[in-house]
Amino acid sequence: MGGDLQDRENWDFEKAESRAGSKKSRAVVSVAFSAKAFQEVAQAAADQRMKTSEFIRNAALDEARKVSKVVRHFGFEPVSTVGPHTIATDLPEAVSA
């Protein structure tokens, strides 16, 4: 066998090997930004030498962990989300945005 592997004629189907995928499962999400907001986020990412997607992912995870920590500590459940803010019932006054 030899030749260009892009050509199916050169594939050896009799000796094909099956291998497990190397990537972990993940979800891909589309997020809309105004042009101005995206420039701000992209610049902040660049300032930290990060890809924009990495910066957004880290910021979202940091915020999610903060919310989860407050929920566990005070024992209340968020009832809805509006934009970047979580609205909850029985929010202790000691907790501020």
C-alpha atoms as a PDB file:
ATOM      1  CA  MET A   1       0.000   0.000   0.000  1.00  0.00           C
ATOM      2  CA  GLY A   2       1.171   3.555  -0.500  1.00  0.00           C
ATOM      3  CA  GLY A   3       0.266   6.717  -2.259  1.00  0.00           C
ATOM      4  CA  ASP A   4      -1.952   9.576  -1.228  1.00  0.00           C
ATOM      5  CA  LEU A   5      -4.219   8.676   1.712  1.00  0.00           C
ATOM      6  CA  GLN A   6      -6.745  11.307   0.598  1.00  0.00           C
ATOM      7  CA  ASP A   7      -7.593   8.935  -2.258  1.00  0.00           C
ATOM      8  CA  ARG A   8     -10.027   6.185  -1.131  1.00  0.00           C
ATOM      9  CA  GLU A   9      -8.395   3.787  -3.583  1.00  0.00           C
ATOM     10  CA  ASN A  10      -5.351   3.728  -1.272  1.00  0.00           C
ATOM     11  CA  TRP A  11      -7.301   2.843   1.897  1.00  0.00           C
ATOM     12  CA  ASP A  12      -6.902  -0.641   3.376  1.00  0.00           C
ATOM     13  CA  PHE A  13     -10.395  -1.463   4.654  1.00  0.00           C
ATOM     14  CA  GLU A  14      -9.366  -5.027   5.561  1.00  0.00           C
ATOM     15  CA  LYS A  15      -6.887  -3.801   8.179  1.00  0.00           C
ATOM     16  CA  ALA A  16      -8.801  -0.771   9.450  1.00  0.00           C
ATOM     17  CA  GLU A  17      -8.313   0.015  13.142  1.00  0.00           C
ATOM     18  CA  SER A  18     -10.982   1.432  15.409  1.00  0.00           C
ATOM     19  CA  ARG A  19      -9.853   3.797  18.151  1.00  0.00           C
ATOM     20  CA  ALA A  20     -11.673   5.671  20.866  1.00  0.00           C
ATOM     21  CA  GLY A  21     -11.997   9.407  20.363  1.00  0.00           C
ATOM     22  CA  SER A  22      -9.531  11.529  22.282  1.00  0.00           C
ATOM     23  CA  LYS A  23     -11.752  14.560  22.925  1.00  0.00           C
ATOM     24  CA  LYS A  24     -13.961  14.745  25.968  1.00  0.00           C
ATOM     25  CA  SER A  25     -17.616  15.463  25.368  1.00  0.00           C
ATOM     26  CA  ARG A  26     -18.462  19.155  25.303  1.00  0.00           C
ATOM     27  CA  ALA A  27     -21.184  21.602  24.489  1.00  0.00           C
ATOM     28  CA  VAL A  28     -20.743  24.447  22.043  1.00  0.00           C
ATOM     29  CA  VAL A  29     -22.779  27.591  22.724  1.00  0.00           C
ATOM     30  CA  SER A  30     -23.369  30.645  20.572  1.00  0.00           C
ATOM     31  CA  VAL A  31     -23.395  33.974  22.428  1.00  0.00           C
ATOM     32  CA  ALA A  32     -24.352  37.272  20.789  1.00  0.00           C
ATOM     33  CA  PHE A  33     -22.488  40.489  21.660  1.00  0.00           C
ATOM     34  CA  SER A  34     -22.858  44.009  20.361  1.00  0.00           C
ATOM     35  CA  ALA A  35     -19.787  45.006  18.355  1.00  0.00           C
ATOM     36  CA  LYS A  36     -18.655  47.334  21.148  1.00  0.00           C
ATOM     37  CA  ALA A  37     -19.105  44.693  23.869  1.00  0.00           C
ATOM     38  CA  PHE A  38     -17.278  42.077  21.799  1.00  0.00           C
ATOM     39  CA  GLN A  39     -14.336  44.444  21.260  1.00  0.00           C
ATOM     40  CA  GLU A  40     -14.171  45.008  25.011  1.00  0.00           C
ATOM     41  CA  VAL A  41     -14.225  41.285  25.772  1.00  0.00           C
ATOM     42  CA  ALA A  42     -11.735  40.467  23.007  1.00  0.00           C
ATOM     43  CA  GLN A  43      -9.356  43.170  24.232  1.00  0.00           C
ATOM     44  CA  ALA A  44      -9.577  41.908  27.824  1.00  0.00           C
ATOM     45  CA  ALA A  45      -8.787  38.405  26.560  1.00  0.00           C
ATOM     46  CA  ALA A  46      -5.831  39.658  24.524  1.00  0.00           C
ATOM     47  CA  ASP A  47      -4.551  41.625  27.529  1.00  0.00           C
ATOM     48  CA  GLN A  48      -4.388  38.330  29.415  1.00  0.00           C
ATOM     49  CA  ARG A  49      -2.905  36.478  26.427  1.00  0.00           C
ATOM     50  CA  MET A  50      -6.012  34.307  26.162  1.00  0.00           C
ATOM     51  CA  LYS A  51      -8.234  33.314  23.281  1.00  0.00           C
ATOM     52  CA  THR A  52     -11.551  35.158  23.383  1.00  0.00           C
ATOM     53  CA  SER A  53     -13.459  31.882  23.762  1.00  0.00           C
ATOM     54  CA  GLU A  54     -11.213  30.830  26.657  1.00  0.00           C
ATOM     55  CA  PHE A  55     -11.751  34.192  28.366  1.00  0.00           C
ATOM     56  CA  ILE A  56     -15.546  33.945  27.987  1.00  0.00           C
ATOM     57  CA  ARG A  57     -15.573  30.325  29.208  1.00  0.00           C
ATOM     58  CA  ASN A  58     -13.475  31.182  32.290  1.00  0.00           C
ATOM     59  CA  ALA A  59     -15.618  34.233  33.118  1.00  0.00           C
ATOM     60  CA  ALA A  60     -18.822  32.200  32.799  1.00  0.00           C
ATOM     61  CA  LEU A  61     -17.458  29.393  34.988  1.00  0.00           C
ATOM     62  CA  ASP A  62     -16.226  31.862  37.614  1.00  0.00           C
ATOM     63  CA  GLU A  63     -19.678  33.476  37.768  1.00  0.00           C
ATOM     64  CA  ALA A  64     -21.472  30.120  37.876  1.00  0.00           C
ATOM     65  CA  ARG A  65     -19.292  28.991  40.772  1.00  0.00           C
ATOM     66  CA  LYS A  66     -20.010  32.219  42.697  1.00  0.00           C
ATOM     67  CA  VAL A  67     -23.756  31.736  42.266  1.00  0.00           C
ATOM     68  CA  SER A  68     -23.542  28.068  43.299  1.00  0.00           C
ATOM     69  CA  LYS A  69     -21.530  28.989  46.389  1.00  0.00           C
ATOM     70  CA  VAL A  70     -24.131  31.559  47.482  1.00  0.00           C
ATOM     71  CA  VAL A  71     -26.982  29.124  46.822  1.00  0.00           C
ATOM     72  CA  ARG A  72     -25.311  26.422  48.925  1.00  0.00           C
ATOM     73  CA  HIS A  73     -24.399  28.847  51.719  1.00  0.00           C
ATOM     74  CA  PHE A  74     -27.768  30.562  52.087  1.00  0.00           C
ATOM     75  CA  GLY A  75     -29.983  27.721  50.901  1.00  0.00           C
ATOM     76  CA  PHE A  76     -32.073  29.610  48.359  1.00  0.00           C
ATOM     77  CA  GLU A  77     -32.759  28.763  44.747  1.00  0.00           C
ATOM     78  CA  PRO A  78     -32.530  31.265  41.889  1.00  0.00           C
ATOM     79  CA  VAL A  79     -35.931  31.666  40.256  1.00  0.00           C
ATOM     80  CA  SER A  80     -34.929  33.302  36.977  1.00  0.00           C
ATOM     81  CA  THR A  81     -32.109  34.954  35.115  1.00  0.00           C
ATOM     82  CA  VAL A  82     -32.213  38.308  33.392  1.00  0.00           C
ATOM     83  CA  GLY A  83     -29.192  39.194  31.306  1.00  0.00           C
ATOM     84  CA  PRO A  84     -26.044  38.732  33.379  1.00  0.00           C
ATOM     85  CA  HIS A  85     -27.933  38.857  36.705  1.00  0.00           C
ATOM     86  CA  THR A  86     -29.585  36.094  38.690  1.00  0.00           C
ATOM     87  CA  ILE A  87     -32.784  37.039  40.487  1.00  0.00           C
ATOM     88  CA  ALA A  88     -33.520  35.020  43.587  1.00  0.00           C
ATOM     89  CA  THR A  89     -36.175  34.944  46.252  1.00  0.00           C
ATOM     90  CA  ASP A  90     -35.243  35.362  49.910  1.00  0.00           C
ATOM     91  CA  LEU A  91     -31.865  36.881  49.047  1.00  0.00           C
ATOM     92  CA  PRO A  92     -30.153  37.897  52.311  1.00  0.00           C
ATOM     93  CA  GLU A  93     -29.392  41.599  52.494  1.00  0.00           C
ATOM     94  CA  ALA A  94     -25.776  40.799  53.369  1.00  0.00           C
ATOM     95  CA  VAL A  95     -25.241  39.568  49.816  1.00  0.00           C
ATOM     96  CA  SER A  96     -24.716  42.342  47.284  1.00  0.00           C
ATOM     97  CA  ALA A  97     -24.124  42.280  43.544  1.00  0.00           C
END
